[in-house]
Amino acid sequence: MTASSVFWEAMMAEPTFDADRNLKSIKVYPLELGFGRSRPQRGRPYPASEEVGRKIVERLDRLSKAFGVSAVYDSGAGVVSWKE
């Protein structure tokens, strides 16, 4: 069995709240965890390349659709939106 790069990808979320502590927005920053890198560099998070970042956010969008949530890639981050 070979390793899949999908297991070496992650995100960091940055939520924003309004004055009443209601969730206003969420930005997600795609991360790579060293797939294919040397052993000392594996597992260390770093910003994903644009290509990998887009792929991560597209996967988030696809998996979130069932919950009425969408995500789009914009300038190195994912912007999450939903209907209230």
N, C-alpha and C. Protein backbone atom coordinates (compact mmCIF):
# COMPACT_ATOMS: atom_id res chain seq x y z
N MET A 1 0.84 -1.17 0.00
CA MET A 1 0.00 0.00 0.00
C MET A 1 0.90 1.24 0.00
N THR A 2 0.55 2.20 -0.83
CA THR A 2 1.32 3.43 -0.88
C THR A 2 0.59 4.53 -0.12
N ALA A 3 1.35 5.47 0.38
CA ALA A 3 0.76 6.59 1.11
C ALA A 3 0.06 7.53 0.14
N SER A 4 -1.01 8.13 0.60
CA SER A 4 -1.76 9.10 -0.21
C SER A 4 -1.47 10.50 0.31
N SER A 5 -1.28 11.43 -0.60
CA SER A 5 -0.98 12.80 -0.19
C SER A 5 -2.12 13.44 0.60
N VAL A 6 -3.35 12.95 0.42
CA VAL A 6 -4.49 13.54 1.13
C VAL A 6 -4.32 13.45 2.65
N PHE A 7 -3.61 12.45 3.12
CA PHE A 7 -3.37 12.31 4.56
C PHE A 7 -2.30 13.27 5.07
N TRP A 8 -1.66 13.99 4.15
CA TRP A 8 -0.59 14.92 4.50
C TRP A 8 -1.01 16.36 4.24
N GLU A 9 -2.32 16.59 4.25
CA GLU A 9 -2.87 17.93 4.02
C GLU A 9 -3.77 18.30 5.18
N ALA A 10 -3.82 19.59 5.51
CA ALA A 10 -4.62 20.04 6.65
C ALA A 10 -5.06 21.48 6.42
N MET A 11 -5.77 22.03 7.38
CA MET A 11 -6.20 23.42 7.33
C MET A 11 -6.13 24.01 8.73
N MET A 12 -5.96 25.31 8.79
CA MET A 12 -6.05 26.05 10.04
C MET A 12 -7.18 27.06 9.85
N ALA A 13 -8.13 27.07 10.78
CA ALA A 13 -9.28 27.96 10.65
C ALA A 13 -9.10 29.24 11.45
N GLU A 14 -9.60 30.34 10.88
CA GLU A 14 -9.60 31.63 11.56
C GLU A 14 -11.05 32.14 11.59
N PRO A 15 -11.76 31.90 12.70
CA PRO A 15 -13.14 32.39 12.79
C PRO A 15 -13.16 33.87 13.19
N THR A 16 -14.18 34.57 12.77
CA THR A 16 -14.41 35.96 13.16
C THR A 16 -15.80 36.04 13.78
N PHE A 17 -15.90 36.75 14.90
CA PHE A 17 -17.16 36.88 15.61
C PHE A 17 -17.57 38.35 15.68
N ASP A 18 -18.89 38.59 15.73
CA ASP A 18 -19.36 39.96 15.89
C ASP A 18 -19.39 40.33 17.38
N ALA A 19 -19.86 41.51 17.69
CA ALA A 19 -19.87 42.00 19.07
C ALA A 19 -20.73 41.15 19.99
N ASP A 20 -21.73 40.45 19.42
CA ASP A 20 -22.59 39.59 20.22
C ASP A 20 -22.10 38.15 20.29
N ARG A 21 -20.88 37.93 19.84
CA ARG A 21 -20.23 36.62 19.84
C ARG A 21 -20.88 35.62 18.89
N ASN A 22 -21.51 36.12 17.84
CA ASN A 22 -22.06 35.26 16.80
C ASN A 22 -21.00 35.08 15.72
N LEU A 23 -20.92 33.87 15.20
CA LEU A 23 -19.95 33.60 14.14
C LEU A 23 -20.29 34.43 12.91
N LYS A 24 -19.31 35.20 12.46
CA LYS A 24 -19.51 36.10 11.33
C LYS A 24 -18.91 35.53 10.05
N SER A 25 -17.70 35.00 10.15
CA SER A 25 -17.03 34.44 8.97
C SER A 25 -15.95 33.45 9.40
N ILE A 26 -15.52 32.64 8.43
CA ILE A 26 -14.42 31.69 8.67
C ILE A 26 -13.51 31.73 7.46
N LYS A 27 -12.23 31.88 7.72
CA LYS A 27 -11.20 31.73 6.70
C LYS A 27 -10.41 30.48 7.07
N VAL A 28 -10.05 29.68 6.08
CA VAL A 28 -9.22 28.51 6.32
C VAL A 28 -7.94 28.64 5.52
N TYR A 29 -6.84 28.30 6.15
CA TYR A 29 -5.53 28.38 5.52
C TYR A 29 -5.04 26.97 5.24
N PRO A 30 -4.92 26.58 3.97
CA PRO A 30 -4.46 25.24 3.61
C PRO A 30 -3.01 25.02 4.03
N LEU A 31 -2.74 23.84 4.54
CA LEU A 31 -1.41 23.47 5.00
C LEU A 31 -0.97 22.15 4.37
N GLU A 32 0.31 22.03 4.15
CA GLU A 32 0.91 20.75 3.75
C GLU A 32 1.72 20.24 4.93
N LEU A 33 1.80 18.91 5.05
CA LEU A 33 2.50 18.32 6.19
C LEU A 33 3.72 17.51 5.78
N GLY A 34 4.26 17.80 4.61
CA GLY A 34 5.53 17.20 4.22
C GLY A 34 5.47 15.92 3.43
N PHE A 35 4.40 15.66 2.72
CA PHE A 35 4.31 14.45 1.90
C PHE A 35 5.47 14.41 0.91
N GLY A 36 6.19 13.31 0.91
CA GLY A 36 7.31 13.15 -0.01
C GLY A 36 8.59 13.84 0.41
N ARG A 37 8.60 14.49 1.55
CA ARG A 37 9.80 15.17 2.04
C ARG A 37 10.64 14.22 2.88
N SER A 38 11.83 14.68 3.25
CA SER A 38 12.70 13.85 4.08
C SER A 38 12.09 13.65 5.46
N ARG A 39 12.48 12.62 6.14
CA ARG A 39 11.89 12.27 7.43
C ARG A 39 11.87 13.42 8.44
N PRO A 40 12.94 14.21 8.60
CA PRO A 40 12.89 15.31 9.58
C PRO A 40 11.88 16.41 9.22
N GLN A 41 11.48 16.49 7.95
CA GLN A 41 10.54 17.53 7.53
C GLN A 41 9.10 17.05 7.49
N ARG A 42 8.87 15.76 7.64
CA ARG A 42 7.50 15.24 7.60
C ARG A 42 6.75 15.59 8.88
N GLY A 43 5.49 15.96 8.73
CA GLY A 43 4.65 16.27 9.87
C GLY A 43 4.71 17.73 10.30
N ARG A 44 5.62 18.47 9.75
CA ARG A 44 5.75 19.90 10.08
C ARG A 44 4.83 20.70 9.15
N PRO A 45 3.85 21.42 9.70
CA PRO A 45 2.94 22.16 8.83
C PRO A 45 3.59 23.39 8.22
N TYR A 46 3.28 23.64 6.96
CA TYR A 46 3.72 24.85 6.28
C TYR A 46 2.65 25.23 5.26
N PRO A 47 2.57 26.50 4.87
CA PRO A 47 1.54 26.93 3.93
C PRO A 47 1.58 26.11 2.64
N ALA A 48 0.42 25.70 2.19
CA ALA A 48 0.33 24.90 0.98
C ALA A 48 0.63 25.74 -0.25
N SER A 49 1.18 25.09 -1.26
CA SER A 49 1.37 25.77 -2.55
C SER A 49 -0.01 26.12 -3.09
N GLU A 50 -0.06 27.01 -4.06
CA GLU A 50 -1.36 27.41 -4.62
C GLU A 50 -2.10 26.20 -5.17
N GLU A 51 -1.41 25.34 -5.89
CA GLU A 51 -2.05 24.16 -6.48
C GLU A 51 -2.65 23.25 -5.41
N VAL A 52 -1.88 22.94 -4.39
CA VAL A 52 -2.37 22.07 -3.32
C VAL A 52 -3.43 22.80 -2.49
N GLY A 53 -3.24 24.09 -2.25
CA GLY A 53 -4.21 24.87 -1.49
C GLY A 53 -5.58 24.87 -2.16
N ARG A 54 -5.59 25.06 -3.46
CA ARG A 54 -6.86 25.02 -4.20
C ARG A 54 -7.52 23.65 -4.06
N LYS A 55 -6.72 22.60 -4.17
CA LYS A 55 -7.25 21.24 -4.07
C LYS A 55 -7.86 20.99 -2.68
N ILE A 56 -7.19 21.47 -1.64
CA ILE A 56 -7.70 21.29 -0.27
C ILE A 56 -9.02 22.02 -0.09
N VAL A 57 -9.09 23.25 -0.55
CA VAL A 57 -10.33 24.05 -0.39
C VAL A 57 -11.45 23.46 -1.26
N GLU A 58 -11.13 22.96 -2.44
CA GLU A 58 -12.15 22.32 -3.29
C GLU A 58 -12.71 21.08 -2.61
N ARG A 59 -11.85 20.32 -1.94
CA ARG A 59 -12.31 19.13 -1.21
C ARG A 59 -13.21 19.54 -0.04
N LEU A 60 -12.82 20.60 0.68
CA LEU A 60 -13.66 21.12 1.77
C LEU A 60 -15.02 21.54 1.22
N ASP A 61 -15.04 22.22 0.09
CA ASP A 61 -16.29 22.66 -0.52
C ASP A 61 -17.17 21.45 -0.86
N ARG A 62 -16.59 20.47 -1.49
CA ARG A 62 -17.33 19.26 -1.90
C ARG A 62 -17.92 18.54 -0.69
N LEU A 63 -17.15 18.39 0.37
CA LEU A 63 -17.60 17.67 1.56
C LEU A 63 -18.61 18.47 2.39
N SER A 64 -18.61 19.79 2.24
CA SER A 64 -19.48 20.66 3.05
C SER A 64 -20.83 20.94 2.42
N LYS A 65 -20.97 20.67 1.13
CA LYS A 65 -22.21 20.99 0.41
C LYS A 65 -23.44 20.39 1.10
N ALA A 66 -23.35 19.17 1.59
CA ALA A 66 -24.48 18.50 2.24
C ALA A 66 -24.99 19.25 3.46
N PHE A 67 -24.16 20.13 4.01
CA PHE A 67 -24.52 20.88 5.21
C PHE A 67 -24.88 22.34 4.89
N GLY A 68 -25.02 22.65 3.60
CA GLY A 68 -25.37 24.01 3.20
C GLY A 68 -24.22 24.99 3.34
N VAL A 69 -23.01 24.48 3.30
CA VAL A 69 -21.81 25.31 3.46
C VAL A 69 -20.98 25.21 2.18
N SER A 70 -20.36 26.32 1.81
CA SER A 70 -19.48 26.31 0.64
C SER A 70 -18.16 26.98 1.00
N ALA A 71 -17.15 26.68 0.21
CA ALA A 71 -15.82 27.27 0.41
C ALA A 71 -15.23 27.58 -0.96
N VAL A 72 -14.61 28.74 -1.07
CA VAL A 72 -13.93 29.13 -2.30
C VAL A 72 -12.50 29.54 -1.97
N TYR A 73 -11.61 29.28 -2.90
CA TYR A 73 -10.20 29.64 -2.73
C TYR A 73 -10.01 31.08 -3.19
N ASP A 74 -9.36 31.90 -2.34
CA ASP A 74 -9.13 33.29 -2.68
C ASP A 74 -7.84 33.78 -2.03
N SER A 75 -6.86 34.09 -2.84
CA SER A 75 -5.60 34.67 -2.37
C SER A 75 -4.91 33.86 -1.27
N GLY A 76 -4.81 32.56 -1.48
CA GLY A 76 -4.07 31.72 -0.55
C GLY A 76 -4.86 31.17 0.62
N ALA A 77 -6.15 31.48 0.68
CA ALA A 77 -6.98 30.99 1.78
C ALA A 77 -8.35 30.57 1.25
N GLY A 78 -9.04 29.79 2.05
CA GLY A 78 -10.41 29.43 1.72
C GLY A 78 -11.36 30.34 2.48
N VAL A 79 -12.39 30.80 1.81
CA VAL A 79 -13.41 31.62 2.45
C VAL A 79 -14.67 30.77 2.54
N VAL A 80 -15.13 30.52 3.76
CA VAL A 80 -16.27 29.65 4.01
C VAL A 80 -17.53 30.51 4.14
N SER A 81 -18.61 30.05 3.51
CA SER A 81 -19.89 30.78 3.63
C SER A 81 -21.02 29.79 3.81
N TRP A 82 -22.12 30.27 4.38
CA TRP A 82 -23.28 29.44 4.65
C TRP A 82 -24.52 30.31 4.66
N LYS A 83 -25.65 29.65 4.54
CA LYS A 83 -26.93 30.37 4.62
C LYS A 83 -27.44 30.25 6.04
N GLU A 84 -27.97 31.33 6.57
CA GLU A 84 -28.48 31.30 7.94
C GLU A 84 -29.95 31.02 7.97
